[in-house]
């Protein structure tokens, strides 16, 4: 029974870290320009 509690705590910590990383990426603007890279590959800058 103790191992189940340990695994529950570990999984909650990992989930919290994943949520924190996702919220950090939202705040720093990682998802602002989703189409830019897709369009940039089609056109030359020459």
PDB file of N, CA and C in Angstrom:
ATOM      1  N   UNK A   1       0.814  -1.193   0.000  1.00  0.00           N
ATOM      2  CA  UNK A   1       0.000   0.000   0.000  1.00  0.00           C
ATOM      3  C   UNK A   1       0.862   1.263   0.000  1.00  0.00           C
ATOM      4  N   UNK A   2       2.008   1.181   0.611  1.00  0.00           N
ATOM      5  CA  UNK A   2       2.888   2.341   0.672  1.00  0.00           C
ATOM      6  C   UNK A   2       3.431   2.687  -0.708  1.00  0.00           C
ATOM      7  N   UNK A   3       3.669   1.666  -1.525  1.00  0.00           N
ATOM      8  CA  UNK A   3       4.205   1.935  -2.866  1.00  0.00           C
ATOM      9  C   UNK A   3       3.179   2.675  -3.724  1.00  0.00           C
ATOM     10  N   UNK A   4       1.900   2.407  -3.506  1.00  0.00           N
ATOM     11  CA  UNK A   4       0.866   3.120  -4.259  1.00  0.00           C
ATOM     12  C   UNK A   4       0.842   4.602  -3.897  1.00  0.00           C
ATOM     13  N   UNK A   5       0.993   4.905  -2.646  1.00  0.00           N
ATOM     14  CA  UNK A   5       1.050   6.305  -2.226  1.00  0.00           C
ATOM     15  C   UNK A   5       2.296   6.996  -2.784  1.00  0.00           C
ATOM     16  N   UNK A   6       3.398   6.281  -2.771  1.00  0.00           N
ATOM     17  CA  UNK A   6       4.640   6.828  -3.317  1.00  0.00           C
ATOM     18  C   UNK A   6       4.494   7.105  -4.811  1.00  0.00           C
ATOM     19  N   UNK A   7       3.937   6.155  -5.546  1.00  0.00           N
ATOM     20  CA  UNK A   7       3.749   6.338  -6.978  1.00  0.00           C
ATOM     21  C   UNK A   7       2.743   7.448  -7.287  1.00  0.00           C
ATOM     22  N   UNK A   8       1.746   7.601  -6.465  1.00  0.00           N
ATOM     23  CA  UNK A   8       0.780   8.676  -6.639  1.00  0.00           C
ATOM     24  C   UNK A   8       1.439  10.036  -6.465  1.00  0.00           C
ATOM     25  N   UNK A   9       2.256  10.175  -5.456  1.00  0.00           N
ATOM     26  CA  UNK A   9       2.957  11.435  -5.208  1.00  0.00           C
ATOM     27  C   UNK A   9       3.929  11.735  -6.344  1.00  0.00           C
ATOM     28  N   UNK A  10       4.664  10.725  -6.795  1.00  0.00           N
ATOM     29  CA  UNK A  10       5.620  10.920  -7.882  1.00  0.00           C
ATOM     30  C   UNK A  10       4.894  11.319  -9.166  1.00  0.00           C
ATOM     31  N   UNK A  11       3.780  10.676  -9.466  1.00  0.00           N
ATOM     32  CA  UNK A  11       3.045  11.019 -10.688  1.00  0.00           C
ATOM     33  C   UNK A  11       2.451  12.422 -10.609  1.00  0.00           C
ATOM     34  N   UNK A  12       2.003  12.840  -9.457  1.00  0.00           N
ATOM     35  CA  UNK A  12       1.490  14.200  -9.305  1.00  0.00           C
ATOM     36  C   UNK A  12       2.595  15.239  -9.463  1.00  0.00           C
ATOM     37  N   UNK A  13       3.774  14.932  -8.980  1.00  0.00           N
ATOM     38  CA  UNK A  13       4.912  15.844  -9.134  1.00  0.00           C
ATOM     39  C   UNK A  13       5.301  15.962 -10.608  1.00  0.00           C
ATOM     40  N   UNK A  14       5.332  14.842 -11.310  1.00  0.00           N
ATOM     41  CA  UNK A  14       5.671  14.864 -12.734  1.00  0.00           C
ATOM     42  C   UNK A  14       4.613  15.625 -13.528  1.00  0.00           C
ATOM     43  N   UNK A  15       3.343  15.429 -13.195  1.00  0.00           N
ATOM     44  CA  UNK A  15       2.269  16.155 -13.873  1.00  0.00           C
ATOM     45  C   UNK A  15       2.369  17.655 -13.601  1.00  0.00           C
ATOM     46  N   UNK A  16       2.707  18.028 -12.383  1.00  0.00           N
ATOM     47  CA  UNK A  16       2.861  19.444 -12.047  1.00  0.00           C
ATOM     48  C   UNK A  16       4.032  20.065 -12.804  1.00  0.00           C
ATOM     49  N   UNK A  17       5.117  19.328 -12.965  1.00  0.00           N
ATOM     50  CA  UNK A  17       6.253  19.829 -13.729  1.00  0.00           C
ATOM     51  C   UNK A  17       5.895  19.998 -15.199  1.00  0.00           C
ATOM     52  N   UNK A  18       5.142  19.064 -15.747  1.00  0.00           N
ATOM     53  CA  UNK A  18       4.700  19.184 -17.136  1.00  0.00           C
ATOM     54  C   UNK A  18       3.784  20.371 -17.334  1.00  0.00           C
ATOM     55  N   UNK A  19       2.883  20.588 -16.410  1.00  0.00           N
ATOM     56  CA  UNK A  19       1.982  21.744 -16.486  1.00  0.00           C
ATOM     57  C   UNK A  19       2.762  23.048 -16.361  1.00  0.00           C
ATOM     58  N   UNK A  20       3.734  23.073 -15.473  1.00  0.00           N
ATOM     59  CA  UNK A  20       4.551  24.270 -15.306  1.00  0.00           C
ATOM     60  C   UNK A  20       5.352  24.560 -16.575  1.00  0.00           C
ATOM     61  N   UNK A  21       5.879  23.535 -17.223  1.00  0.00           N
ATOM     62  CA  UNK A  21       6.626  23.738 -18.466  1.00  0.00           C
ATOM     63  C   UNK A  21       5.703  24.241 -19.571  1.00  0.00           C
ATOM     64  N   UNK A  22       4.492  23.722 -19.640  1.00  0.00           N
ATOM     65  CA  UNK A  22       3.542  24.175 -20.645  1.00  0.00           C
ATOM     66  C   UNK A  22       3.137  25.626 -20.411  1.00  0.00           C
ATOM     67  N   UNK A  23       2.867  25.988 -19.176  1.00  0.00           N
ATOM     68  CA  UNK A  23       2.496  27.371 -18.875  1.00  0.00           C
ATOM     69  C   UNK A  23       3.650  28.329 -19.132  1.00  0.00           C
ATOM     70  N   UNK A  24       4.873  27.896 -18.854  1.00  0.00           N
ATOM     71  CA  UNK A  24       6.048  28.719 -19.146  1.00  0.00           C
ATOM     72  C   UNK A  24       6.162  28.951 -20.653  1.00  0.00           C
ATOM     73  N   UNK A  25       5.925  27.900 -21.448  1.00  0.00           N
ATOM     74  CA  UNK A  25       6.035  28.059 -22.900  1.00  0.00           C
ATOM     75  C   UNK A  25       4.937  28.966 -23.435  1.00  0.00           C
ATOM     76  N   UNK A  26       3.777  28.959 -22.823  1.00  0.00           N
ATOM     77  CA  UNK A  26       2.721  29.884 -23.236  1.00  0.00           C
ATOM     78  C   UNK A  26       3.097  31.325 -22.916  1.00  0.00           C
ATOM     79  N   UNK A  27       3.658  31.551 -21.735  1.00  0.00           N
ATOM     80  CA  UNK A  27       4.014  32.909 -21.323  1.00  0.00           C
ATOM     81  C   UNK A  27       5.167  33.481 -22.121  1.00  0.00           C
ATOM     82  N   UNK A  28       6.079  32.632 -22.582  1.00  0.00           N
ATOM     83  CA  UNK A  28       7.236  33.145 -23.319  1.00  0.00           C
ATOM     84  C   UNK A  28       6.981  33.248 -24.810  1.00  0.00           C
ATOM     85  N   UNK A  29       5.772  32.902 -25.258  1.00  0.00           N
ATOM     86  CA  UNK A  29       5.415  33.114 -26.657  1.00  0.00           C
ATOM     87  C   UNK A  29       5.860  32.025 -27.605  1.00  0.00           C
ATOM     88  N   UNK A  30       5.997  30.822 -27.163  1.00  0.00           N
ATOM     89  CA  UNK A  30       6.441  29.737 -28.028  1.00  0.00           C
ATOM     90  C   UNK A  30       5.402  29.356 -29.073  1.00  0.00           C
ATOM     91  N   UNK A  31       4.139  29.656 -28.828  1.00  0.00           N
ATOM     92  CA  UNK A  31       3.071  29.260 -29.744  1.00  0.00           C
ATOM     93  C   UNK A  31       2.472  30.453 -30.483  1.00  0.00           C
ATOM     94  N   UNK A  32       3.168  31.561 -30.552  1.00  0.00           N
ATOM     95  CA  UNK A  32       2.614  32.755 -31.177  1.00  0.00           C
ATOM     96  C   UNK A  32       2.523  32.644 -32.693  1.00  0.00           C
ATOM     97  N   UNK A  33       3.547  32.125 -33.342  1.00  0.00           N
ATOM     98  CA  UNK A  33       3.598  32.073 -34.802  1.00  0.00           C
ATOM     99  C   UNK A  33       3.661  30.623 -35.264  1.00  0.00           C
ATOM    100  N   UNK A  34       2.509  29.990 -35.402  1.00  0.00           N
ATOM    101  CA  UNK A  34       2.477  28.581 -35.794  1.00  0.00           C
ATOM    102  C   UNK A  34       2.657  28.392 -37.294  1.00  0.00           C
ATOM    103  N   UNK A  35       2.271  29.363 -38.104  1.00  0.00           N
ATOM    104  CA  UNK A  35       2.350  29.213 -39.556  1.00  0.00           C
ATOM    105  C   UNK A  35       3.624  29.801 -40.146  1.00  0.00           C
ATOM    106  N   UNK A  36       4.389  30.502 -39.358  1.00  0.00           N
ATOM    107  CA  UNK A  36       5.585  31.159 -39.888  1.00  0.00           C
ATOM    108  C   UNK A  36       6.613  30.196 -40.433  1.00  0.00           C
ATOM    109  N   UNK A  37       6.940  29.165 -39.710  1.00  0.00           N
ATOM    110  CA  UNK A  37       7.951  28.212 -40.162  1.00  0.00           C
ATOM    111  C   UNK A  37       7.449  27.410 -41.362  1.00  0.00           C
ATOM    112  N   UNK A  38       6.154  27.129 -41.400  1.00  0.00           N
ATOM    113  CA  UNK A  38       5.600  26.375 -42.524  1.00  0.00           C
ATOM    114  C   UNK A  38       5.635  27.211 -43.800  1.00  0.00           C
ATOM    115  N   UNK A  39       5.393  28.496 -43.695  1.00  0.00           N
ATOM    116  CA  UNK A  39       5.429  29.362 -44.871  1.00  0.00           C
ATOM    117  C   UNK A  39       6.846  29.744 -45.250  1.00  0.00           C
ATOM    118  N   UNK A  40       7.735  29.854 -44.291  1.00  0.00           N
ATOM    119  CA  UNK A  40       9.113  30.270 -44.550  1.00  0.00           C
ATOM    120  C   UNK A  40       9.867  29.263 -45.408  1.00  0.00           C
ATOM    121  N   UNK A  41       9.534  27.997 -45.298  1.00  0.00           N
ATOM    122  CA  UNK A  41      10.249  26.979 -46.048  1.00  0.00           C
ATOM    123  C   UNK A  41       9.863  27.007 -47.527  1.00  0.00           C
ATOM    124  N   UNK A  42       8.716  27.582 -47.846  1.00  0.00           N
ATOM    125  CA  UNK A  42       8.245  27.598 -49.225  1.00  0.00           C
ATOM    126  C   UNK A  42       8.831  28.733 -50.057  1.00  0.00           C
ATOM    127  N   UNK A  43       9.294  29.794 -49.419  1.00  0.00           N
ATOM    128  CA  UNK A  43       9.754  30.973 -50.146  1.00  0.00           C
ATOM    129  C   UNK A  43      11.243  31.187 -49.924  1.00  0.00           C
ATOM    130  N   UNK A  44      11.939  31.575 -51.002  1.00  0.00           N
ATOM    131  CA  UNK A  44      13.365  31.918 -50.905  1.00  0.00           C
ATOM    132  C   UNK A  44      13.507  33.391 -50.585  1.00  0.00           C
ATOM    133  N   UNK A  45      14.549  33.733 -49.853  1.00  0.00           N
ATOM    134  CA  UNK A  45      14.812  35.119 -49.497  1.00  0.00           C
ATOM    135  C   UNK A  45      15.840  35.779 -50.440  1.00  0.00           C
ATOM    136  N   UNK A  46      16.145  35.096 -51.521  1.00  0.00           N
ATOM    137  CA  UNK A  46      17.186  35.623 -52.427  1.00  0.00           C
ATOM    138  C   UNK A  46      16.778  36.883 -53.031  1.00  0.00           C
TER     139      UNK A  46
END
